[in-house]
Amino acid sequence: MTAKAALLQALVSGPGYGLDLIERVKKQTNGGLVLGQGSVYPALRELEREGLLDSYEGEPIPERGGRPRRYYKLNAMGARAAMTQKDVVVGLFLGIPEAGR
């Protein structure tokens, strides 16, 4: 499974920022897939360039020196892509064969 596919599925439940999405993927896969920051942020930027995600800055956070987090969310095209690949990804998350095989 690619980082991009895992991130699309993680974003189905709502907007999130990089570290939050890393934790979502880890939780969704019961620790079977752990994404590193070095692959997540480039994948998120690529998904945005491909027109599957939108991003926005949250409120400034004192713990981050006043810098805001960047949040990512699925747009309509990204939601369609996530639903198209859902059966395959769910099988990988749960370790079961793809339906219909």
PDB file of N, CA and C in Angstrom:
ATOM      1  N   MET A   1       0.843  -1.166   0.000  1.00  0.00           N
ATOM      2  CA  MET A   1       0.000   0.000   0.000  1.00  0.00           C
ATOM      3  C   MET A   1       0.889   1.230   0.000  1.00  0.00           C
ATOM      4  N   THR A   2       0.497   2.204  -0.768  1.00  0.00           N
ATOM      5  CA  THR A   2       1.273   3.438  -0.820  1.00  0.00           C
ATOM      6  C   THR A   2       0.830   4.386   0.282  1.00  0.00           C
ATOM      7  N   ALA A   3       1.702   5.311   0.609  1.00  0.00           N
ATOM      8  CA  ALA A   3       1.360   6.334   1.598  1.00  0.00           C
ATOM      9  C   ALA A   3       0.161   7.133   1.113  1.00  0.00           C
ATOM     10  N   LYS A   4       0.110   7.421  -0.181  1.00  0.00           N
ATOM     11  CA  LYS A   4      -0.999   8.206  -0.728  1.00  0.00           C
ATOM     12  C   LYS A   4      -2.331   7.484  -0.537  1.00  0.00           C
ATOM     13  N   ALA A   5      -2.373   6.189  -0.800  1.00  0.00           N
ATOM     14  CA  ALA A   5      -3.619   5.430  -0.643  1.00  0.00           C
ATOM     15  C   ALA A   5      -4.040   5.401   0.817  1.00  0.00           C
ATOM     16  N   ALA A   6      -3.099   5.190   1.706  1.00  0.00           N
ATOM     17  CA  ALA A   6      -3.407   5.149   3.139  1.00  0.00           C
ATOM     18  C   ALA A   6      -3.901   6.501   3.629  1.00  0.00           C
ATOM     19  N   LEU A   7      -3.298   7.569   3.143  1.00  0.00           N
ATOM     20  CA  LEU A   7      -3.707   8.905   3.565  1.00  0.00           C
ATOM     21  C   LEU A   7      -5.101   9.249   3.068  1.00  0.00           C
ATOM     22  N   LEU A   8      -5.416   8.860   1.848  1.00  0.00           N
ATOM     23  CA  LEU A   8      -6.776   9.097   1.339  1.00  0.00           C
ATOM     24  C   LEU A   8      -7.798   8.421   2.240  1.00  0.00           C
ATOM     25  N   GLN A   9      -7.516   7.190   2.623  1.00  0.00           N
ATOM     26  CA  GLN A   9      -8.456   6.473   3.489  1.00  0.00           C
ATOM     27  C   GLN A   9      -8.537   7.117   4.875  1.00  0.00           C
ATOM     28  N   ALA A  10      -7.415   7.579   5.388  1.00  0.00           N
ATOM     29  CA  ALA A  10      -7.415   8.220   6.704  1.00  0.00           C
ATOM     30  C   ALA A  10      -8.218   9.516   6.681  1.00  0.00           C
ATOM     31  N   LEU A  11      -8.212  10.205   5.549  1.00  0.00           N
ATOM     32  CA  LEU A  11      -8.923  11.475   5.444  1.00  0.00           C
ATOM     33  C   LEU A  11     -10.422  11.311   5.234  1.00  0.00           C
ATOM     34  N   VAL A  12     -10.884  10.093   4.984  1.00  0.00           N
ATOM     35  CA  VAL A  12     -12.325   9.866   4.826  1.00  0.00           C
ATOM     36  C   VAL A  12     -13.063  10.276   6.098  1.00  0.00           C
ATOM     37  N   SER A  13     -12.431  10.099   7.250  1.00  0.00           N
ATOM     38  CA  SER A  13     -13.082  10.425   8.523  1.00  0.00           C
ATOM     39  C   SER A  13     -13.045  11.914   8.849  1.00  0.00           C
ATOM     40  N   GLY A  14     -12.379  12.716   8.030  1.00  0.00           N
ATOM     41  CA  GLY A  14     -12.360  14.160   8.251  1.00  0.00           C
ATOM     42  C   GLY A  14     -10.980  14.749   8.083  1.00  0.00           C
ATOM     43  N   PRO A  15     -10.904  16.082   8.086  1.00  0.00           N
ATOM     44  CA  PRO A  15      -9.627  16.768   7.907  1.00  0.00           C
ATOM     45  C   PRO A  15      -8.624  16.389   8.993  1.00  0.00           C
ATOM     46  N   GLY A  16      -7.355  16.517   8.663  1.00  0.00           N
ATOM     47  CA  GLY A  16      -6.310  16.235   9.634  1.00  0.00           C
ATOM     48  C   GLY A  16      -4.992  16.844   9.199  1.00  0.00           C
ATOM     49  N   TYR A  17      -4.063  16.905  10.125  1.00  0.00           N
ATOM     50  CA  TYR A  17      -2.714  17.401   9.842  1.00  0.00           C
ATOM     51  C   TYR A  17      -1.762  16.214   9.838  1.00  0.00           C
ATOM     52  N   GLY A  18      -0.558  16.408   9.393  1.00  0.00           N
ATOM     53  CA  GLY A  18       0.397  15.324   9.177  1.00  0.00           C
ATOM     54  C   GLY A  18       0.525  14.313  10.299  1.00  0.00           C
ATOM     55  N   LEU A  19       0.878  14.752  11.493  1.00  0.00           N
ATOM     56  CA  LEU A  19       1.085  13.805  12.596  1.00  0.00           C
ATOM     57  C   LEU A  19      -0.208  13.105  12.990  1.00  0.00           C
ATOM     58  N   ASP A  20      -1.306  13.821  12.911  1.00  0.00           N
ATOM     59  CA  ASP A  20      -2.613  13.222  13.184  1.00  0.00           C
ATOM     60  C   ASP A  20      -2.898  12.105  12.180  1.00  0.00           C
ATOM     61  N   LEU A  21      -2.598  12.342  10.927  1.00  0.00           N
ATOM     62  CA  LEU A  21      -2.849  11.340   9.883  1.00  0.00           C
ATOM     63  C   LEU A  21      -1.944  10.125  10.042  1.00  0.00           C
ATOM     64  N   ILE A  22      -0.714  10.347  10.475  1.00  0.00           N
ATOM     65  CA  ILE A  22       0.196   9.233  10.750  1.00  0.00           C
ATOM     66  C   ILE A  22      -0.420   8.323  11.810  1.00  0.00           C
ATOM     67  N   GLU A  23      -0.955   8.922  12.860  1.00  0.00           N
ATOM     68  CA  GLU A  23      -1.586   8.146  13.930  1.00  0.00           C
ATOM     69  C   GLU A  23      -2.862   7.451  13.452  1.00  0.00           C
ATOM     70  N   ARG A  24      -3.646   8.119  12.608  1.00  0.00           N
ATOM     71  CA  ARG A  24      -4.865   7.487  12.082  1.00  0.00           C
ATOM     72  C   ARG A  24      -4.539   6.228  11.289  1.00  0.00           C
ATOM     73  N   VAL A  25      -3.539   6.331  10.421  1.00  0.00           N
ATOM     74  CA  VAL A  25      -3.157   5.178   9.599  1.00  0.00           C
ATOM     75  C   VAL A  25      -2.670   4.050  10.501  1.00  0.00           C
ATOM     76  N   LYS A  26      -1.849   4.378  11.469  1.00  0.00           N
ATOM     77  CA  LYS A  26      -1.332   3.362  12.397  1.00  0.00           C
ATOM     78  C   LYS A  26      -2.489   2.673  13.118  1.00  0.00           C
ATOM     79  N   LYS A  27      -3.452   3.463  13.578  1.00  0.00           N
ATOM     80  CA  LYS A  27      -4.598   2.908  14.297  1.00  0.00           C
ATOM     81  C   LYS A  27      -5.485   2.073  13.371  1.00  0.00           C
ATOM     82  N   GLN A  28      -5.747   2.586  12.168  1.00  0.00           N
ATOM     83  CA  GLN A  28      -6.605   1.871  11.218  1.00  0.00           C
ATOM     84  C   GLN A  28      -6.016   0.536  10.799  1.00  0.00           C
ATOM     85  N   THR A  29      -4.698   0.453  10.809  1.00  0.00           N
ATOM     86  CA  THR A  29      -4.039  -0.788  10.383  1.00  0.00           C
ATOM     87  C   THR A  29      -3.566  -1.615  11.568  1.00  0.00           C
ATOM     88  N   ASN A  30      -4.007  -1.252  12.769  1.00  0.00           N
ATOM     89  CA  ASN A  30      -3.573  -1.950  13.988  1.00  0.00           C
ATOM     90  C   ASN A  30      -2.054  -2.050  14.062  1.00  0.00           C
ATOM     91  N   GLY A  31      -1.391  -0.978  13.667  1.00  0.00           N
ATOM     92  CA  GLY A  31       0.066  -0.923  13.714  1.00  0.00           C
ATOM     93  C   GLY A  31       0.757  -1.610  12.553  1.00  0.00           C
ATOM     94  N   GLY A  32      -0.026  -2.129  11.619  1.00  0.00           N
ATOM     95  CA  GLY A  32       0.554  -2.827  10.473  1.00  0.00           C
ATOM     96  C   GLY A  32       1.235  -1.907   9.474  1.00  0.00           C
ATOM     97  N   LEU A  33       0.840  -0.652   9.464  1.00  0.00           N
ATOM     98  CA  LEU A  33       1.450   0.324   8.570  1.00  0.00           C
ATOM     99  C   LEU A  33       1.761   1.568   9.382  1.00  0.00           C
ATOM    100  N   VAL A  34       3.033   1.896   9.460  1.00  0.00           N
ATOM    101  CA  VAL A  34       3.471   3.091  10.173  1.00  0.00           C
ATOM    102  C   VAL A  34       4.175   3.983   9.165  1.00  0.00           C
ATOM    103  N   LEU A  35       3.575   5.122   8.910  1.00  0.00           N
ATOM    104  CA  LEU A  35       4.142   6.068   7.949  1.00  0.00           C
ATOM    105  C   LEU A  35       5.082   7.021   8.663  1.00  0.00           C
ATOM    106  N   GLY A  36       6.162   7.359   8.011  1.00  0.00           N
ATOM    107  CA  GLY A  36       7.098   8.329   8.562  1.00  0.00           C
ATOM    108  C   GLY A  36       6.816   9.711   8.010  1.00  0.00           C
ATOM    109  N   GLN A  37       7.241  10.719   8.750  1.00  0.00           N
ATOM    110  CA  GLN A  37       7.033  12.097   8.300  1.00  0.00           C
ATOM    111  C   GLN A  37       7.670  12.344   6.939  1.00  0.00           C
ATOM    112  N   GLY A  38       8.768  11.648   6.685  1.00  0.00           N
ATOM    113  CA  GLY A  38       9.477  11.836   5.417  1.00  0.00           C
ATOM    114  C   GLY A  38       8.700  11.362   4.204  1.00  0.00           C
ATOM    115  N   SER A  39       7.704  10.502   4.413  1.00  0.00           N
ATOM    116  CA  SER A  39       6.874  10.075   3.283  1.00  0.00           C
ATOM    117  C   SER A  39       5.505  10.728   3.299  1.00  0.00           C
ATOM    118  N   VAL A  40       5.028  11.108   4.488  1.00  0.00           N
ATOM    119  CA  VAL A  40       3.675  11.663   4.600  1.00  0.00           C
ATOM    120  C   VAL A  40       3.569  13.046   3.982  1.00  0.00           C
ATOM    121  N   TYR A  41       4.461  13.938   4.333  1.00  0.00           N
ATOM    122  CA  TYR A  41       4.323  15.302   3.854  1.00  0.00           C
ATOM    123  C   TYR A  41       4.489  15.416   2.338  1.00  0.00           C
ATOM    124  N   PRO A  42       5.446  14.742   1.730  1.00  0.00           N
ATOM    125  CA  PRO A  42       5.507  14.774   0.268  1.00  0.00           C
ATOM    126  C   PRO A  42       4.260  14.152  -0.374  1.00  0.00           C
ATOM    127  N   ALA A  43       3.733  13.084   0.218  1.00  0.00           N
ATOM    128  CA  ALA A  43       2.534  12.435  -0.321  1.00  0.00           C
ATOM    129  C   ALA A  43       1.331  13.374  -0.228  1.00  0.00           C
ATOM    130  N   LEU A  44       1.194  14.076   0.877  1.00  0.00           N
ATOM    131  CA  LEU A  44       0.090  15.029   1.017  1.00  0.00           C
ATOM    132  C   LEU A  44       0.194  16.144  -0.012  1.00  0.00           C
ATOM    133  N   ARG A  45       1.391  16.669  -0.206  1.00  0.00           N
ATOM    134  CA  ARG A  45       1.575  17.735  -1.209  1.00  0.00           C
ATOM    135  C   ARG A  45       1.271  17.222  -2.616  1.00  0.00           C
ATOM    136  N   GLU A  46       1.674  15.980  -2.906  1.00  0.00           N
ATOM    137  CA  GLU A  46       1.400  15.399  -4.220  1.00  0.00           C
ATOM    138  C   GLU A  46      -0.099  15.186  -4.425  1.00  0.00           C
ATOM    139  N   LEU A  47      -0.783  14.687  -3.410  1.00  0.00           N
ATOM    140  CA  LEU A  47      -2.232  14.506  -3.506  1.00  0.00           C
ATOM    141  C   LEU A  47      -2.930  15.845  -3.747  1.00  0.00           C
ATOM    142  N   GLU A  48      -2.414  16.882  -3.126  1.00  0.00           N
ATOM    143  CA  GLU A  48      -2.994  18.213  -3.334  1.00  0.00           C
ATOM    144  C   GLU A  48      -2.739  18.688  -4.771  1.00  0.00           C
ATOM    145  N   ARG A  49      -1.522  18.477  -5.272  1.00  0.00           N
ATOM    146  CA  ARG A  49      -1.209  18.854  -6.665  1.00  0.00           C
ATOM    147  C   ARG A  49      -2.064  18.077  -7.657  1.00  0.00           C
ATOM    148  N   GLU A  50      -2.390  16.822  -7.323  1.00  0.00           N
ATOM    149  CA  GLU A  50      -3.222  15.996  -8.186  1.00  0.00           C
ATOM    150  C   GLU A  50      -4.692  16.388  -8.128  1.00  0.00           C
ATOM    151  N   GLY A  51      -5.033  17.317  -7.246  1.00  0.00           N
ATOM    152  CA  GLY A  51      -6.404  17.797  -7.154  1.00  0.00           C
ATOM    153  C   GLY A  51      -7.317  16.952  -6.295  1.00  0.00           C
ATOM    154  N   LEU A  52      -6.738  16.089  -5.426  1.00  0.00           N
ATOM    155  CA  LEU A  52      -7.552  15.213  -4.587  1.00  0.00           C
ATOM    156  C   LEU A  52      -7.774  15.774  -3.184  1.00  0.00           C
ATOM    157  N   LEU A  53      -6.932  16.703  -2.764  1.00  0.00           N
ATOM    158  CA  LEU A  53      -7.017  17.296  -1.436  1.00  0.00           C
ATOM    159  C   LEU A  53      -7.000  18.809  -1.521  1.00  0.00           C
ATOM    160  N   ASP A  54      -7.577  19.429  -0.521  1.00  0.00           N
ATOM    161  CA  ASP A  54      -7.438  20.859  -0.292  1.00  0.00           C
ATOM    162  C   ASP A  54      -6.743  21.005   1.051  1.00  0.00           C
ATOM    163  N   SER A  55      -6.035  22.108   1.236  1.00  0.00           N
ATOM    164  CA  SER A  55      -5.380  22.331   2.519  1.00  0.00           C
ATOM    165  C   SER A  55      -5.655  23.752   2.996  1.00  0.00           C
ATOM    166  N   TYR A  56      -5.518  23.919   4.289  1.00  0.00           N
ATOM    167  CA  TYR A  56      -5.700  25.233   4.895  1.00  0.00           C
ATOM    168  C   TYR A  56      -4.901  25.284   6.192  1.00  0.00           C
ATOM    169  N   GLU A  57      -4.610  26.500   6.629  1.00  0.00           N
ATOM    170  CA  GLU A  57      -3.883  26.671   7.881  1.00  0.00           C
ATOM    171  C   GLU A  57      -4.876  26.827   9.016  1.00  0.00           C
ATOM    172  N   GLY A  58      -4.582  26.135  10.122  1.00  0.00           N
ATOM    173  CA  GLY A  58      -5.382  26.281  11.334  1.00  0.00           C
ATOM    174  C   GLY A  58      -4.957  27.520  12.096  1.00  0.00           C
ATOM    175  N   GLU A  59      -5.472  27.637  13.293  1.00  0.00           N
ATOM    176  CA  GLU A  59      -5.110  28.757  14.166  1.00  0.00           C
ATOM    177  C   GLU A  59      -3.656  28.612  14.624  1.00  0.00           C
ATOM    178  N   PRO A  60      -2.967  29.734  14.848  1.00  0.00           N
ATOM    179  CA  PRO A  60      -1.605  29.656  15.396  1.00  0.00           C
ATOM    180  C   PRO A  60      -1.607  28.927  16.743  1.00  0.00           C
ATOM    181  N   ILE A  61      -0.580  28.130  16.966  1.00  0.00           N
ATOM    182  CA  ILE A  61      -0.496  27.314  18.172  1.00  0.00           C
ATOM    183  C   ILE A  61       0.728  27.753  18.974  1.00  0.00           C
ATOM    184  N   PRO A  62       0.508  28.197  20.224  1.00  0.00           N
ATOM    185  CA  PRO A  62       1.644  28.664  21.044  1.00  0.00           C
ATOM    186  C   PRO A  62       2.749  27.619  21.165  1.00  0.00           C
ATOM    187  N   GLU A  63       2.366  26.324  21.308  1.00  0.00           N
ATOM    188  CA  GLU A  63       3.370  25.268  21.466  1.00  0.00           C
ATOM    189  C   GLU A  63       4.241  25.107  20.215  1.00  0.00           C
ATOM    190  N   ARG A  64       3.765  25.621  19.098  1.00  0.00           N
ATOM    191  CA  ARG A  64       4.526  25.545  17.846  1.00  0.00           C
ATOM    192  C   ARG A  64       5.178  26.887  17.533  1.00  0.00           C
ATOM    193  N   GLY A  65       5.390  27.687  18.566  1.00  0.00           N
ATOM    194  CA  GLY A  65       6.009  28.996  18.357  1.00  0.00           C
ATOM    195  C   GLY A  65       5.104  29.962  17.615  1.00  0.00           C
ATOM    196  N   GLY A  66       3.793  29.756  17.738  1.00  0.00           N
ATOM    197  CA  GLY A  66       2.841  30.631  17.065  1.00  0.00           C
ATOM    198  C   GLY A  66       2.546  30.236  15.631  1.00  0.00           C
ATOM    199  N   ARG A  67       3.164  29.157  15.163  1.00  0.00           N
ATOM    200  CA  ARG A  67       2.919  28.700  13.783  1.00  0.00           C
ATOM    201  C   ARG A  67       1.644  27.856  13.737  1.00  0.00           C
ATOM    202  N   PRO A  68       0.875  28.007  12.686  1.00  0.00           N
ATOM    203  CA  PRO A  68      -0.324  27.174  12.543  1.00  0.00           C
ATOM    204  C   PRO A  68       0.012  25.812  11.939  1.00  0.00           C
ATOM    205  N   ARG A  69      -0.851  24.854  12.170  1.00  0.00           N
ATOM    206  CA  ARG A  69      -0.737  23.559  11.497  1.00  0.00           C
ATOM    207  C   ARG A  69      -1.395  23.677  10.128  1.00  0.00           C
ATOM    208  N   ARG A  70      -0.917  22.876   9.184  1.00  0.00           N
ATOM    209  CA  ARG A  70      -1.576  22.782   7.883  1.00  0.00           C
ATOM    210  C   ARG A  70      -2.477  21.567   7.926  1.00  0.00           C
ATOM    211  N   TYR A  71      -3.743  21.789   7.654  1.00  0.00           N
ATOM    212  CA  TYR A  71      -4.741  20.723   7.632  1.00  0.00           C
ATOM    213  C   TYR A  71      -5.052  20.355   6.195  1.00  0.00           C
ATOM    214  N   TYR A  72      -5.334  19.082   5.998  1.00  0.00           N
ATOM    215  CA  TYR A  72      -5.687  18.557   4.678  1.00  0.00           C
ATOM    216  C   TYR A  72      -7.070  17.938   4.761  1.00  0.00           C
ATOM    217  N   LYS A  73      -7.840  18.094   3.686  1.00  0.00           N
ATOM    218  CA  LYS A  73      -9.162  17.478   3.639  1.00  0.00           C
ATOM    219  C   LYS A  73      -9.441  17.004   2.218  1.00  0.00           C
ATOM    220  N   LEU A  74     -10.231  15.948   2.131  1.00  0.00           N
ATOM    221  CA  LEU A  74     -10.632  15.443   0.832  1.00  0.00           C
ATOM    222  C   LEU A  74     -11.568  16.442   0.175  1.00  0.00           C
ATOM    223  N   ASN A  75     -11.401  16.638  -1.117  1.00  0.00           N
ATOM    224  CA  ASN A  75     -12.406  17.372  -1.872  1.00  0.00           C
ATOM    225  C   ASN A  75     -13.255  16.333  -2.608  1.00  0.00           C
ATOM    226  N   ALA A  76     -14.159  16.762  -3.474  1.00  0.00           N
ATOM    227  CA  ALA A  76     -15.071  15.823  -4.135  1.00  0.00           C
ATOM    228  C   ALA A  76     -14.303  14.781  -4.955  1.00  0.00           C
ATOM    229  N   MET A  77     -13.284  15.208  -5.676  1.00  0.00           N
ATOM    230  CA  MET A  77     -12.513  14.269  -6.494  1.00  0.00           C
ATOM    231  C   MET A  77     -11.741  13.282  -5.604  1.00  0.00           C
ATOM    232  N   GLY A  78     -11.206  13.772  -4.497  1.00  0.00           N
ATOM    233  CA  GLY A  78     -10.494  12.907  -3.567  1.00  0.00           C
ATOM    234  C   GLY A  78     -11.408  11.909  -2.892  1.00  0.00           C
ATOM    235  N   ALA A  79     -12.626  12.333  -2.567  1.00  0.00           N
ATOM    236  CA  ALA A  79     -13.594  11.421  -1.951  1.00  0.00           C
ATOM    237  C   ALA A  79     -13.963  10.298  -2.919  1.00  0.00           C
ATOM    238  N   ARG A  80     -14.119  10.642  -4.204  1.00  0.00           N
ATOM    239  CA  ARG A  80     -14.415   9.606  -5.211  1.00  0.00           C
ATOM    240  C   ARG A  80     -13.251   8.632  -5.329  1.00  0.00           C
ATOM    241  N   ALA A  81     -12.028   9.161  -5.333  1.00  0.00           N
ATOM    242  CA  ALA A  81     -10.843   8.296  -5.430  1.00  0.00           C
ATOM    243  C   ALA A  81     -10.750   7.381  -4.218  1.00  0.00           C
ATOM    244  N   ALA A  82     -11.016   7.921  -3.038  1.00  0.00           N
ATOM    245  CA  ALA A  82     -10.953   7.107  -1.817  1.00  0.00           C
ATOM    246  C   ALA A  82     -12.003   6.001  -1.861  1.00  0.00           C
ATOM    247  N   MET A  83     -13.198   6.304  -2.333  1.00  0.00           N
ATOM    248  CA  MET A  83     -14.255   5.293  -2.392  1.00  0.00           C
ATOM    249  C   MET A  83     -13.929   4.230  -3.440  1.00  0.00           C
ATOM    250  N   THR A  84     -13.318   4.628  -4.543  1.00  0.00           N
ATOM    251  CA  THR A  84     -12.957   3.686  -5.604  1.00  0.00           C
ATOM    252  C   THR A  84     -11.970   2.646  -5.096  1.00  0.00           C
ATOM    253  N   GLN A  85     -11.031   3.081  -4.294  1.00  0.00           N
ATOM    254  CA  GLN A  85      -9.996   2.157  -3.806  1.00  0.00           C
ATOM    255  C   GLN A  85     -10.331   1.546  -2.453  1.00  0.00           C
ATOM    256  N   LYS A  86     -11.488   1.873  -1.896  1.00  0.00           N
ATOM    257  CA  LYS A  86     -11.837   1.456  -0.534  1.00  0.00           C
ATOM    258  C   LYS A  86     -11.771  -0.060  -0.341  1.00  0.00           C
ATOM    259  N   ASP A  87     -12.373  -0.842  -1.232  1.00  0.00           N
ATOM    260  CA  ASP A  87     -12.392  -2.296  -1.049  1.00  0.00           C
ATOM    261  C   ASP A  87     -10.987  -2.876  -0.979  1.00  0.00           C
ATOM    262  N   VAL A  88     -10.114  -2.415  -1.847  1.00  0.00           N
ATOM    263  CA  VAL A  88      -8.740  -2.917  -1.860  1.00  0.00           C
ATOM    264  C   VAL A  88      -8.023  -2.531  -0.573  1.00  0.00           C
ATOM    265  N   VAL A  89      -8.158  -1.265  -0.177  1.00  0.00           N
ATOM    266  CA  VAL A  89      -7.453  -0.779   1.000  1.00  0.00           C
ATOM    267  C   VAL A  89      -8.001  -1.406   2.271  1.00  0.00           C
ATOM    268  N   VAL A  90      -9.316  -1.543   2.372  1.00  0.00           N
ATOM    269  CA  VAL A  90      -9.896  -2.167   3.565  1.00  0.00           C
ATOM    270  C   VAL A  90      -9.375  -3.591   3.708  1.00  0.00           C
ATOM    271  N   GLY A  91      -9.271  -4.308   2.605  1.00  0.00           N
ATOM    272  CA  GLY A  91      -8.711  -5.655   2.651  1.00  0.00           C
ATOM    273  C   GLY A  91      -7.292  -5.655   3.156  1.00  0.00           C
ATOM    274  N   LEU A  92      -6.521  -4.677   2.750  1.00  0.00           N
ATOM    275  CA  LEU A  92      -5.138  -4.586   3.227  1.00  0.00           C
ATOM    276  C   LEU A  92      -5.093  -4.207   4.696  1.00  0.00           C
ATOM    277  N   PHE A  93      -5.957  -3.260   5.094  1.00  0.00           N
ATOM    278  CA  PHE A  93      -5.997  -2.855   6.502  1.00  0.00           C
ATOM    279  C   PHE A  93      -6.374  -4.034   7.390  1.00  0.00           C
ATOM    280  N   LEU A  94      -7.325  -4.840   6.930  1.00  0.00           N
ATOM    281  CA  LEU A  94      -7.823  -5.940   7.751  1.00  0.00           C
ATOM    282  C   LEU A  94      -7.124  -7.271   7.469  1.00  0.00           C
ATOM    283  N   GLY A  95      -6.293  -7.285   6.424  1.00  0.00           N
ATOM    284  CA  GLY A  95      -5.580  -8.519   6.093  1.00  0.00           C
ATOM    285  C   GLY A  95      -6.458  -9.583   5.475  1.00  0.00           C
ATOM    286  N   ILE A  96      -7.512  -9.150   4.750  1.00  0.00           N
ATOM    287  CA  ILE A  96      -8.397 -10.105   4.082  1.00  0.00           C
ATOM    288  C   ILE A  96      -8.323  -9.883   2.578  1.00  0.00           C
ATOM    289  N   PRO A  97      -8.603 -10.921   1.796  1.00  0.00           N
ATOM    290  CA  PRO A  97      -8.549 -10.776   0.350  1.00  0.00           C
ATOM    291  C   PRO A  97      -9.610  -9.798  -0.138  1.00  0.00           C
ATOM    292  N   GLU A  98      -9.318  -9.170  -1.264  1.00  0.00           N
ATOM    293  CA  GLU A  98     -10.243  -8.236  -1.876  1.00  0.00           C
ATOM    294  C   GLU A  98     -11.535  -8.949  -2.235  1.00  0.00           C
ATOM    295  N   ALA A  99     -12.657  -8.299  -2.014  1.00  0.00           N
ATOM    296  CA  ALA A  99     -13.964  -8.885  -2.334  1.00  0.00           C
ATOM    297  C   ALA A  99     -14.022  -9.214  -3.814  1.00  0.00           C
ATOM    298  N   GLY A 100     -14.588 -10.367  -4.125  1.00  0.00           N
ATOM    299  CA  GLY A 100     -14.743 -10.749  -5.516  1.00  0.00           C
ATOM    300  C   GLY A 100     -13.574 -11.524  -6.085  1.00  0.00           C
ATOM    301  N   ARG A 101     -12.535 -11.726  -5.330  1.00  0.00           N
ATOM    302  CA  ARG A 101     -11.386 -12.472  -5.836  1.00  0.00           C
ATOM    303  C   ARG A 101     -11.599 -13.947  -5.668  1.00  0.00           C
TER     304      ARG A 101
END
